[in-house]
Protein backbone atom coordinates (compact mmCIF):
# COMPACT_ATOMS: atom_id res chain seq x y z
CA UNK A 1 17.11 -33.98 -19.37
CA UNK A 2 18.19 -30.52 -20.38
CA UNK A 3 18.56 -28.55 -17.11
CA UNK A 4 17.81 -25.16 -18.66
CA UNK A 5 15.82 -23.72 -21.54
CA UNK A 6 15.39 -20.23 -22.84
CA UNK A 7 13.48 -17.83 -20.64
CA UNK A 8 11.07 -15.01 -21.54
CA UNK A 9 13.94 -12.56 -21.99
CA UNK A 10 15.27 -14.71 -24.83
CA UNK A 11 12.32 -16.10 -26.81
CA UNK A 12 8.55 -16.36 -27.14
CA UNK A 13 8.77 -20.08 -26.44
CA UNK A 14 10.61 -19.34 -23.23
CA UNK A 15 7.84 -16.97 -22.20
CA UNK A 16 5.23 -19.69 -22.64
CA UNK A 17 3.42 -18.09 -25.57
CA UNK A 18 3.70 -21.28 -27.60
CA UNK A 19 2.56 -23.65 -24.90
CA UNK A 20 2.35 -27.14 -26.43
CA UNK A 21 0.62 -29.01 -23.62
CA UNK A 22 -1.00 -28.28 -20.26
CA UNK A 23 1.11 -29.30 -17.32
CA UNK A 24 0.40 -31.89 -14.65
CA UNK A 25 -0.77 -29.27 -12.14
CA UNK A 26 -4.48 -29.87 -12.82
CA UNK A 27 -4.10 -33.59 -12.12
CA UNK A 28 -2.22 -32.78 -8.91
CA UNK A 29 -5.00 -30.44 -7.83
CA UNK A 30 -7.72 -33.01 -8.52
CA UNK A 31 -5.80 -35.81 -6.79
CA UNK A 32 -5.21 -33.68 -3.72
CA UNK A 33 -8.90 -32.78 -3.42
CA UNK A 34 -10.00 -36.38 -3.84
CA UNK A 35 -7.53 -37.58 -1.21
CA UNK A 36 -9.39 -35.67 1.51
CA UNK A 37 -12.26 -37.35 3.39
CA UNK A 38 -15.67 -36.28 2.09
CA UNK A 39 -16.57 -34.40 5.27
CA UNK A 40 -13.47 -32.20 4.89
CA UNK A 41 -13.75 -31.33 1.21
CA UNK A 42 -14.59 -27.81 0.14
CA UNK A 43 -17.99 -27.43 -1.53
CA UNK A 44 -16.97 -24.68 -3.94
CA UNK A 45 -13.27 -24.76 -4.78
CA UNK A 46 -13.53 -22.04 -7.43
CA UNK A 47 -11.97 -18.85 -6.12
CA UNK A 48 -13.23 -15.48 -7.34
CA UNK A 49 -12.03 -12.10 -6.15
CA UNK A 50 -15.29 -10.31 -6.85
CA UNK A 51 -17.71 -12.73 -5.28
CA UNK A 52 -19.78 -10.88 -2.66
CA UNK A 53 -18.78 -13.40 -0.01
CA UNK A 54 -15.08 -12.84 -0.70
CA UNK A 55 -15.44 -9.06 -0.60
CA UNK A 56 -17.28 -9.24 2.71
CA UNK A 57 -14.68 -11.59 4.20
CA UNK A 58 -11.99 -9.07 3.26
CA UNK A 59 -13.64 -6.05 4.90
CA UNK A 60 -11.00 -5.78 7.65
CA UNK A 61 -8.67 -4.17 5.12
CA UNK A 62 -11.03 -1.22 4.71
CA UNK A 63 -11.65 -0.99 8.46
CA UNK A 64 -7.92 -0.97 9.29
CA UNK A 65 -7.06 1.63 6.66
CA UNK A 66 -9.92 4.06 7.09
CA UNK A 67 -11.49 3.53 10.51
CA UNK A 68 -9.20 2.00 13.14
CA UNK A 69 -6.37 -0.54 12.97
CA UNK A 70 -6.19 -2.98 15.91
CA UNK A 71 -3.34 -5.01 14.39
CA UNK A 72 -0.44 -3.70 16.51
CA UNK A 73 -2.30 -4.36 19.75
CA UNK A 74 -3.37 -7.82 18.61
CA UNK A 75 0.16 -8.68 17.52
CA UNK A 76 1.46 -7.67 20.94
CA UNK A 77 -1.09 -9.99 22.53
CA UNK A 78 -0.09 -12.95 20.34
CA UNK A 79 3.63 -12.33 20.93
CA UNK A 80 3.18 -12.00 24.70
CA UNK A 81 1.30 -15.31 24.82
CA UNK A 82 4.01 -17.04 22.78
CA UNK A 83 6.82 -15.78 25.00
CA UNK A 84 5.06 -17.21 28.07
CA UNK A 85 5.28 -20.70 26.58
CA UNK A 86 8.19 -22.83 27.91
CA UNK A 87 8.87 -24.35 24.45
CA UNK A 88 9.38 -21.00 22.67
CA UNK A 89 12.72 -19.19 22.56
CA UNK A 90 12.22 -15.73 23.98
CA UNK A 91 14.37 -13.99 21.37
CA UNK A 92 12.29 -15.51 18.53
CA UNK A 93 15.45 -16.82 16.81
CA UNK A 94 15.38 -20.31 15.27
CA UNK A 95 18.80 -21.93 15.60
CA UNK A 96 19.87 -23.48 12.28
CA UNK A 97 23.58 -22.89 12.84
CA UNK A 98 24.19 -26.41 11.49
CA UNK A 99 23.44 -25.02 8.02
CA UNK A 100 26.68 -23.81 6.44
CA UNK A 101 26.27 -24.09 2.67
CA UNK A 102 22.64 -24.73 1.78
CA UNK A 103 19.62 -23.72 -0.31
CA UNK A 104 16.10 -22.64 0.58
CA UNK A 105 12.91 -21.59 -1.23
CA UNK A 106 10.89 -18.39 -1.01
CA UNK A 107 7.28 -18.59 -2.23
CA UNK A 108 5.25 -15.39 -2.16
CA UNK A 109 1.46 -14.95 -1.88
CA UNK A 110 0.41 -18.47 -2.87
CA UNK A 111 -2.86 -19.28 -1.13
CA UNK A 112 -5.76 -19.33 -3.57
CA UNK A 113 -5.89 -23.14 -3.48
CA UNK A 114 -6.66 -23.33 -7.20
CA UNK A 115 -4.91 -24.20 -10.46
CA UNK A 116 -2.68 -21.13 -10.39
CA UNK A 117 -1.24 -22.15 -7.01
CA UNK A 118 -0.74 -25.77 -8.08
CA UNK A 119 1.02 -24.61 -11.28
CA UNK A 120 4.14 -23.98 -9.19
CA UNK A 121 4.06 -27.35 -7.40
CA UNK A 122 5.82 -29.58 -10.01
CA UNK A 123 8.73 -27.13 -10.23
CA UNK A 124 8.86 -26.70 -6.45
CA UNK A 125 9.35 -30.46 -6.20
CA UNK A 126 12.21 -30.29 -8.71
CA UNK A 127 13.95 -27.14 -7.50
CA UNK A 128 13.17 -27.96 -3.87
CA UNK A 129 15.23 -31.13 -3.84
CA UNK A 130 18.14 -30.60 -1.50
CA UNK A 131 16.77 -27.39 0.00
CA UNK A 132 16.80 -27.03 3.78
CA UNK A 133 13.46 -25.22 4.20
CA UNK A 134 10.82 -23.04 2.56
CA UNK A 135 9.58 -19.60 3.58
CA UNK A 136 6.16 -18.37 2.46
CA UNK A 137 6.41 -14.62 2.09
CA UNK A 138 3.02 -12.96 2.70
CA UNK A 139 -0.63 -14.03 2.28
CA UNK A 140 -0.52 -17.73 3.01
CA UNK A 141 -4.29 -18.17 2.65
CA UNK A 142 -6.83 -16.12 0.67
CA UNK A 143 -9.17 -14.39 1.08
CA UNK A 144 -9.14 -14.04 4.87
CA UNK A 145 -6.70 -16.51 6.46
CA UNK A 146 -9.45 -18.77 7.81
CA UNK A 147 -8.10 -21.45 10.14
CA UNK A 148 -10.07 -24.23 8.40
CA UNK A 149 -8.97 -23.26 4.86
CA UNK A 150 -5.31 -24.05 5.52
CA UNK A 151 -5.99 -27.67 4.63
CA UNK A 152 -6.78 -26.97 0.97
CA UNK A 153 -4.62 -23.88 0.51
CA UNK A 154 -1.45 -24.80 2.41
CA UNK A 155 -1.21 -28.43 3.55
CA UNK A 156 -2.40 -30.11 0.36
CA UNK A 157 -0.41 -28.03 -2.17
CA UNK A 158 2.86 -28.51 -0.26
CA UNK A 159 2.25 -32.02 1.04
CA UNK A 160 5.16 -33.28 -1.07
CA UNK A 161 7.67 -30.83 0.42
CA UNK A 162 8.85 -32.59 3.57
CA UNK A 163 11.29 -30.01 4.93
CA UNK A 164 10.26 -27.28 7.41
CA UNK A 165 8.03 -24.51 6.09
CA UNK A 166 8.04 -21.10 7.78
CA UNK A 167 5.95 -18.06 6.89
CA UNK A 168 5.48 -14.37 7.46
CA UNK A 169 1.89 -13.13 7.40
CA UNK A 170 0.44 -10.80 4.81
CA UNK A 171 -2.52 -8.48 5.05
CA UNK A 172 -4.99 -11.24 4.12
CA UNK A 173 -3.71 -13.44 6.96
CA UNK A 174 -4.77 -10.67 9.33
CA UNK A 175 -8.38 -10.61 8.12
CA UNK A 176 -9.24 -13.13 10.86
CA UNK A 177 -7.07 -11.44 13.48
CA UNK A 178 -4.13 -13.76 12.56
CA UNK A 179 -5.88 -16.69 14.22
CA UNK A 180 -5.36 -19.25 11.44
CA UNK A 181 -1.73 -18.28 10.95
CA UNK A 182 -0.87 -18.57 14.64
CA UNK A 183 -2.60 -21.94 15.03
CA UNK A 184 -0.93 -23.58 12.04
CA UNK A 185 2.55 -22.03 12.08
CA UNK A 186 3.14 -21.24 15.74
CA UNK A 187 1.13 -23.93 17.51
CA UNK A 188 -1.02 -21.37 19.34
CA UNK A 189 -4.40 -22.04 20.82
CA UNK A 190 -7.21 -20.73 18.57
CA UNK A 191 -8.63 -17.38 19.59
CA UNK A 192 -12.32 -16.69 19.97
CA UNK A 193 -12.06 -13.23 21.49
CA UNK A 194 -13.48 -10.09 19.89
CA UNK A 195 -10.89 -7.90 18.17
CA UNK A 196 -11.03 -4.10 18.11
CA UNK A 197 -10.36 -1.11 20.31
CA UNK A 198 -13.83 0.46 20.01
CA UNK A 199 -17.36 -0.91 20.05
CA UNK A 200 -17.86 0.08 16.40
CA UNK A 201 -14.71 -1.70 15.26
CA UNK A 202 -15.59 -4.80 17.29
CA UNK A 203 -19.00 -4.90 15.62
CA UNK A 204 -17.63 -4.45 12.10
CA UNK A 205 -14.35 -6.37 12.34
CA UNK A 206 -14.43 -9.86 10.91
CA UNK A 207 -13.69 -12.15 13.83
CA UNK A 208 -11.99 -15.52 13.63
CA UNK A 209 -14.12 -18.52 12.67
CA UNK A 210 -14.33 -21.51 14.97
CA UNK A 211 -11.67 -24.18 14.39
CA UNK A 212 -12.99 -27.57 13.33
CA UNK A 213 -10.95 -30.10 15.37
CA UNK A 214 -11.19 -32.75 12.65
CA UNK A 215 -9.60 -30.32 10.16
CA UNK A 216 -6.64 -29.62 12.45
CA UNK A 217 -6.22 -33.34 13.15
CA UNK A 218 -6.07 -34.11 9.42
CA UNK A 219 -3.63 -31.23 8.83
CA UNK A 220 -1.32 -32.60 11.54
CA UNK A 221 -1.34 -35.99 9.82
CA UNK A 222 -0.19 -34.39 6.57
CA UNK A 223 2.47 -32.25 8.24
CA UNK A 224 3.27 -33.06 11.89
CA UNK A 225 4.39 -30.16 14.06
CA UNK A 226 8.10 -29.49 14.02
CA UNK A 227 10.17 -30.29 17.07
CA UNK A 228 10.31 -27.27 19.42
CA UNK A 229 13.79 -26.09 18.42
CA UNK A 230 12.72 -25.81 14.76
CA UNK A 231 9.21 -24.50 15.31
CA UNK A 232 8.28 -20.96 14.28
CA UNK A 233 8.05 -18.87 17.49
CA UNK A 234 5.77 -16.05 16.34
CA UNK A 235 4.51 -13.87 13.48
CA UNK A 236 8.00 -12.36 13.24
CA UNK A 237 11.17 -14.37 13.74
CA UNK A 238 14.76 -14.91 12.64
CA UNK A 239 16.49 -18.02 11.26
CA UNK A 240 20.15 -18.11 12.27
CA UNK A 241 22.47 -20.14 10.02
CA UNK A 242 26.24 -20.37 10.01
CA UNK A 243 26.78 -17.56 7.47
CA UNK A 244 23.43 -15.82 6.97
CA UNK A 245 20.66 -14.59 9.24
CA UNK A 246 17.15 -14.42 7.77
CA UNK A 247 14.82 -11.98 9.50
CA UNK A 248 11.08 -12.08 8.87
CA UNK A 249 8.82 -9.24 9.96
CA UNK A 250 5.04 -8.95 10.23
CA UNK A 251 3.76 -5.82 8.48
CA UNK A 252 0.09 -6.39 9.29
CA UNK A 253 -2.55 -4.87 7.03
CA UNK A 254 -1.26 -1.36 6.40
CA UNK A 255 2.50 -2.06 6.32
CA UNK A 256 3.31 -0.68 9.77
CA UNK A 257 5.22 -2.65 12.42
CA UNK A 258 4.69 -2.09 16.14
CA UNK A 259 7.37 -0.45 18.29
CA UNK A 260 8.23 -3.68 20.19
CA UNK A 261 8.79 -5.50 16.91
CA UNK A 262 10.98 -2.61 15.75
CA UNK A 263 13.11 -2.94 18.89
CA UNK A 264 13.43 -6.66 18.25
CA UNK A 265 14.32 -5.99 14.59
CA UNK A 266 17.10 -3.63 15.56
CA UNK A 267 18.43 -6.11 18.13
CA UNK A 268 18.55 -9.13 15.78
CA UNK A 269 19.97 -6.91 13.02
CA UNK A 270 22.82 -5.56 15.14
CA UNK A 271 23.83 -8.85 16.77
CA UNK A 272 26.02 -11.25 14.79
CA UNK A 273 27.47 -8.41 12.67
CA UNK A 274 29.73 -10.86 10.81
CA UNK A 275 26.69 -12.54 9.21
CA UNK A 276 24.95 -11.25 6.11
CA UNK A 277 21.28 -10.42 6.67
CA UNK A 278 18.22 -10.94 4.48
CA UNK A 279 14.97 -9.22 5.44
CA UNK A 280 11.71 -10.99 4.53
CA UNK A 281 8.70 -8.69 4.64
CA UNK A 282 5.02 -8.76 3.77
CA UNK A 283 5.25 -5.30 2.19
CA UNK A 284 8.12 -4.61 -0.24
CA UNK A 285 10.24 -1.50 0.23
CA UNK A 286 10.81 -0.88 -3.49
CA UNK A 287 7.86 -1.84 -5.68
CA UNK A 288 6.24 -0.64 -8.93
CA UNK A 289 8.90 2.05 -9.31
CA UNK A 290 8.12 3.53 -5.90
CA UNK A 291 9.85 3.68 -2.53
CA UNK A 292 8.00 2.62 0.62
CA UNK A 293 10.50 2.60 3.51
CA UNK A 294 8.18 0.92 6.02
CA UNK A 295 6.50 2.69 8.92
CA UNK A 296 7.22 2.01 12.57
CA UNK A 297 4.56 2.76 15.17
CA UNK A 298 5.02 6.17 16.82
CA UNK A 299 8.47 6.63 15.31
CA UNK A 300 10.20 8.70 12.67
CA UNK A 301 12.58 5.82 12.02
CA UNK A 302 11.67 3.44 9.20
CA UNK A 303 12.35 -0.22 8.52
CA UNK A 304 14.62 0.72 5.62
CA UNK A 305 16.73 2.96 7.84
CA UNK A 306 17.48 -0.12 9.94
CA UNK A 307 18.29 -2.06 6.76
CA UNK A 308 20.65 0.63 5.49
CA UNK A 309 22.78 0.87 8.63
CA UNK A 310 26.16 -0.46 7.51
CA UNK A 311 26.83 -2.37 10.72
CA UNK A 312 23.69 -4.46 10.21
CA UNK A 313 25.16 -5.98 7.04
CA UNK A 314 21.98 -6.42 5.00
CA UNK A 315 22.51 -7.70 1.46
CA UNK A 316 18.88 -8.22 0.38
CA UNK A 317 15.26 -7.43 1.19
CA UNK A 318 12.57 -9.77 -0.18
CA UNK A 319 8.90 -8.77 -0.03
CA UNK A 320 5.60 -10.27 -1.15
CA UNK A 321 2.16 -8.65 -1.53
CA UNK A 322 2.50 -7.72 -5.23
CA UNK A 323 2.02 -10.80 -7.41
CA UNK A 324 4.95 -10.68 -9.77
CA UNK A 325 8.76 -10.47 -9.62
CA UNK A 326 10.74 -7.23 -9.45
CA UNK A 327 14.35 -6.55 -8.50
CA UNK A 328 15.91 -3.20 -7.61
CA UNK A 329 19.69 -3.21 -7.01
CA UNK A 330 20.03 -0.02 -4.95
CA UNK A 331 23.36 1.62 -4.18
CA UNK A 332 23.58 2.29 -0.45
CA UNK A 333 26.86 4.00 0.38
CA UNK A 334 29.71 1.76 -0.78
CA UNK A 335 27.55 -1.32 -1.33
CA UNK A 336 24.49 -2.53 -3.23
CA UNK A 337 21.39 -3.91 -1.51
CA UNK A 338 19.08 -6.08 -3.61
CA UNK A 339 15.44 -5.14 -3.03
CA UNK A 340 13.26 -7.93 -4.44
CA UNK A 341 9.52 -8.35 -4.92
CA UNK A 342 8.50 -12.00 -5.15
CA UNK A 343 4.76 -12.48 -4.82
CA UNK A 344 4.01 -14.67 -7.84
CA UNK A 345 3.67 -17.95 -5.94
CA UNK A 346 0.08 -18.74 -6.83
CA UNK A 347 -2.39 -15.85 -6.70
CA UNK A 348 -3.51 -13.72 -9.65
CA UNK A 349 -0.69 -12.05 -11.59
CA UNK A 350 -0.19 -8.35 -10.87
CA UNK A 351 0.42 -6.44 -14.09
CA UNK A 352 3.95 -5.21 -14.76
CA UNK A 353 3.15 -3.05 -17.80
CA UNK A 354 1.81 -0.45 -15.36
CA UNK A 355 5.30 -0.02 -13.81
CA UNK A 356 6.71 3.32 -15.02
CA UNK A 357 10.28 3.78 -16.18
CA UNK A 358 12.40 3.40 -13.08
CA UNK A 359 14.31 6.47 -11.98
CA UNK A 360 15.01 6.40 -8.26
CA UNK A 361 17.94 7.61 -6.17
CA UNK A 362 20.71 5.05 -6.45
CA UNK A 363 18.97 3.11 -9.22
CA UNK A 364 18.55 3.30 -12.99
CA UNK A 365 16.03 1.64 -15.33
CA UNK A 366 18.81 -0.37 -17.00
CA UNK A 367 19.43 -2.20 -13.72
CA UNK A 368 15.77 -2.96 -12.99
CA UNK A 369 14.41 -6.46 -13.65
CA UNK A 370 10.86 -7.78 -13.66
CA UNK A 371 8.92 -10.91 -14.54
CA UNK A 372 6.84 -11.03 -16.56
CA UNK A 373 8.37 -8.42 -18.83
CA UNK A 374 6.24 -5.31 -19.35
CA UNK A 375 5.50 -6.25 -22.96
CA UNK A 376 4.52 -9.79 -21.95
CA UNK A 377 2.19 -8.32 -19.33
CA UNK A 378 0.52 -5.91 -21.79
CA UNK A 379 0.03 -8.65 -24.38
CA UNK A 380 -1.36 -11.05 -21.77
CA UNK A 381 -3.81 -8.54 -20.33
CA UNK A 382 -4.93 -7.39 -23.76
CA UNK A 383 -5.95 -10.98 -24.49
CA UNK A 384 -7.85 -11.23 -21.21
CA UNK A 385 -9.48 -7.85 -21.92
CA UNK A 386 -10.54 -9.19 -25.31
CA UNK A 387 -12.06 -12.31 -23.78
CA UNK A 388 -13.98 -10.28 -21.22
CA UNK A 389 -15.33 -7.58 -23.53
CA UNK A 390 -15.09 -8.76 -27.13
CA UNK A 391 -16.01 -12.46 -26.80
CA UNK A 392 -12.54 -13.48 -27.90
CA UNK A 393 -12.88 -11.82 -31.31
CA UNK A 394 -9.28 -10.60 -31.24
CA UNK A 395 -10.21 -6.94 -31.54
CA UNK A 396 -8.34 -5.99 -28.37
CA UNK A 397 -5.44 -8.46 -28.62
CA UNK A 398 -1.90 -7.16 -28.94
CA UNK A 399 0.70 -9.70 -30.05
CA UNK A 400 3.81 -10.26 -27.87
CA UNK A 401 6.23 -8.64 -30.34
CA UNK A 402 4.03 -5.57 -30.86
CA UNK A 403 3.41 -5.26 -27.11
CA UNK A 404 7.15 -5.39 -26.38
CA UNK A 405 7.89 -2.74 -29.00
CA UNK A 406 5.02 -0.53 -27.82
CA UNK A 407 6.11 -0.60 -24.16
CA UNK A 408 9.72 0.15 -25.14
CA UNK A 409 8.62 3.10 -27.26
CA UNK A 410 6.26 4.39 -24.59
CA UNK A 411 8.90 4.25 -21.84
CA UNK A 412 11.86 5.25 -24.01
CA UNK A 413 13.79 2.03 -23.41
CA UNK A 414 15.24 -0.76 -25.56
CA UNK A 415 13.17 -3.96 -25.94
CA UNK A 416 14.63 -6.76 -23.85
CA UNK A 417 14.38 -9.53 -26.44
CA UNK A 418 16.75 -8.99 -29.32
CA UNK A 419 14.13 -10.22 -31.80
CA UNK A 420 11.79 -7.37 -30.79
CA UNK A 421 14.27 -4.54 -31.39
CA UNK A 422 13.42 -4.06 -35.05
CA UNK A 423 9.65 -4.25 -34.67
CA UNK A 424 7.69 -1.18 -35.82
CA UNK A 425 4.67 -0.31 -33.68
CA UNK A 426 1.54 -0.24 -35.84
CA UNK A 427 -1.27 2.31 -35.60
CA UNK A 428 -3.62 -0.47 -34.56
CA UNK A 429 -1.38 -1.45 -31.64
CA UNK A 430 -1.23 2.15 -30.41
CA UNK A 431 -4.99 2.53 -30.76
CA UNK A 432 -5.79 -0.72 -28.92
CA UNK A 433 -3.18 -0.09 -26.22
CA UNK A 434 -4.82 3.26 -25.47
CA UNK A 435 -8.08 1.44 -24.77
CA UNK A 436 -6.54 -1.29 -22.63
CA UNK A 437 -3.92 0.88 -20.94
CA UNK A 438 -4.48 4.65 -21.44
CA UNK A 439 -1.36 6.76 -21.11
CA UNK A 440 -1.02 8.95 -18.02
CA UNK A 441 -2.72 12.29 -18.55
CA UNK A 442 -5.07 10.86 -21.18
CA UNK A 443 -7.27 8.74 -18.94
CA UNK A 444 -10.97 8.85 -19.78
CA UNK A 445 -13.35 10.71 -17.50
CA UNK A 446 -15.55 8.88 -14.99
CA UNK A 447 -18.47 9.31 -17.37
CA UNK A 448 -16.53 7.74 -20.24
CA UNK A 449 -15.42 4.86 -18.02
CA UNK A 450 -18.97 3.58 -18.11
CA UNK A 451 -20.49 5.12 -21.22
CA UNK A 452 -18.43 4.65 -24.36
CA UNK A 453 -19.65 4.21 -27.92
CA UNK A 454 -18.17 0.74 -28.11
CA UNK A 455 -19.93 -0.31 -24.91
CA UNK A 456 -16.56 -1.21 -23.40
CA UNK A 457 -15.65 0.22 -19.97
CA UNK A 458 -12.57 1.91 -21.32
CA UNK A 459 -9.58 1.90 -19.05
CA UNK A 460 -11.49 1.50 -15.80
CA UNK A 461 -9.90 -1.78 -14.81
CA UNK A 462 -6.26 -0.79 -14.82
CA UNK A 463 -7.10 1.85 -12.24
CA UNK A 464 -9.43 -0.14 -9.99
CA UNK A 465 -8.56 -3.78 -9.25
CA UNK A 466 -7.26 -4.41 -12.76
CA UNK A 467 -5.30 -7.57 -11.98
CA UNK A 468 -7.86 -9.04 -9.58
CA UNK A 469 -10.59 -8.73 -12.20
CA UNK A 470 -8.48 -10.56 -14.77
CA UNK A 471 -7.52 -13.49 -12.52
CA UNK A 472 -6.52 -16.30 -14.90
CA UNK A 473 -5.85 -19.99 -14.16
CA UNK A 474 -4.83 -21.43 -17.53
CA UNK A 475 -1.37 -21.61 -19.18
CA UNK A 476 0.61 -19.48 -19.60
CA UNK A 477 0.27 -18.17 -16.05
CA UNK A 478 3.60 -16.38 -15.31
CA UNK A 479 4.05 -17.54 -11.69
CA UNK A 480 7.40 -17.44 -9.92
CA UNK A 481 9.30 -18.41 -6.79
CA UNK A 482 12.87 -17.98 -5.56
CA UNK A 483 15.68 -20.37 -4.78
CA UNK A 484 18.34 -18.85 -2.54
CA UNK A 485 21.72 -20.58 -2.37
CA UNK A 486 24.30 -19.86 0.31
CA UNK A 487 27.87 -20.96 -0.41
CA UNK A 488 31.19 -20.30 1.27
CA UNK A 489 31.70 -16.83 -0.22
CA UNK A 490 28.49 -15.78 -1.96
CA UNK A 491 24.71 -15.77 -1.86
CA UNK A 492 22.71 -16.30 -5.06
CA UNK A 493 19.02 -15.50 -5.58
CA UNK A 494 17.39 -17.08 -8.63
CA UNK A 495 13.85 -16.39 -9.88
CA UNK A 496 12.25 -19.53 -11.31
CA UNK A 497 9.25 -19.17 -13.61
CA UNK A 498 6.23 -21.48 -13.69
CA UNK A 499 3.88 -21.12 -16.66
CA UNK A 500 1.78 -24.26 -16.25
CA UNK A 501 3.07 -25.56 -19.61
CA UNK A 502 4.11 -29.23 -19.63
CA UNK A 503 7.36 -28.55 -21.47
CA UNK A 504 8.40 -26.10 -18.73
CA UNK A 505 7.80 -28.44 -15.79
CA UNK A 506 10.84 -30.66 -16.33
CA UNK A 507 13.33 -27.98 -17.35
CA UNK A 508 14.32 -24.99 -15.30
CA UNK A 509 13.57 -21.50 -16.56
CA UNK A 510 15.58 -19.00 -14.57
CA UNK A 511 14.19 -15.55 -15.35
CA UNK A 512 16.69 -13.63 -13.25
CA UNK A 513 19.65 -14.40 -11.03
CA UNK A 514 21.90 -12.23 -8.90
CA UNK A 515 24.94 -12.95 -6.72
CA UNK A 516 25.96 -11.15 -3.55
CA UNK A 517 29.34 -11.47 -1.88
CA UNK A 518 29.53 -12.78 1.68
CA UNK A 519 33.12 -11.62 2.13
């Protein structure tokens, strides 16, 4: 078996454009559903982001951002209750000092429970062999972290991975007050209290649903609780190994961490200065060509300021939330910190063609990496646009080579694939691209969003929930996850791609890889 094939940076085949056969993921999904007793099966397993029920279940996001955010107070309550337990270490540090040279997986934003999530499973089984543990980075369960949905969206997909699985919550895991997350990852008692600081918020806030005991019992059969010393202590925690300390933080709904968590973060960052640190966060610090340093409650200090302190010895920051892969190697003083986005573990793919040319302090476009490539993203979304609005006629489709050349010309960069560097952008490509992805400054008016001669809602979707609307569960799907390897003198982060194509399930497609010195 050939251990490696070309990736999307090298060929169209490597990108999955010439998919020869659907992978085994659909069979795995069907088998997992049928293995569950009838009384525990979901009635409607089809996930849709714009179903009225899903939108209503996700209302806590709007409440927290625009009315009142009870997350910090609720997190304090959960953490206080955990620290009172005799089986939980008070410093929230998991001792894995027995791990010297090892590997682990990072899977971001997986939990739709559908084909797109299961598309990563065959490769996780292959790449996961020999790994010590897995960390889910943000949004374990969509749409609202319900305690009873963990069976189909966490336990069943990863039933075959028998090593410990840890997680940091994302905004969607907070849409039930973090109840489901705390029950399944931290062994907490389910909460039935009302959340919210005011009467209005308590009335509007989506409260936790009641736990079905038979669901939890079945989940425990699939994945028994870890022994106390390996169990996750809370929504934020650290994993201490012989050479590296992993630190996971809970960024809630809006991206802010509470002041007590910030004090803990500074403490676990400053202790063990000889160990390299990796921060795992629900909200990335560098993403989509922008800088979001991370707010701390009632403080002018940011999360990134803690990361950048030389004595803390951070080498990487890995964040979820955005459903693709991005890497920003940022020069910080005399060293480089790798800021990574890895949220392509199963949910809809977030477009990358909307990422502007990168030009940030300490970073240049030539050093930036993303998966899928911008041209791949534009071509993919043009095809979905065509299926939605032109009945698959091809009128809005942009081929991969033309899309790559168009994005390079638009951003003033060189196409990544060598075969695309001589491609001339046609007038048709430019015309269609303007409809699918209008250039900045030439966006249609609100009136023209909804009333165009062609009848197509020109450009509206890339501005409002573009990626969610075009959720797609058939190959190629452009999912990703990370394998992190710690050796005696270096740490390597590799981005593995999962397209859902059968020919890509047995052979590894590494889209990006970076090494960091531990000396």
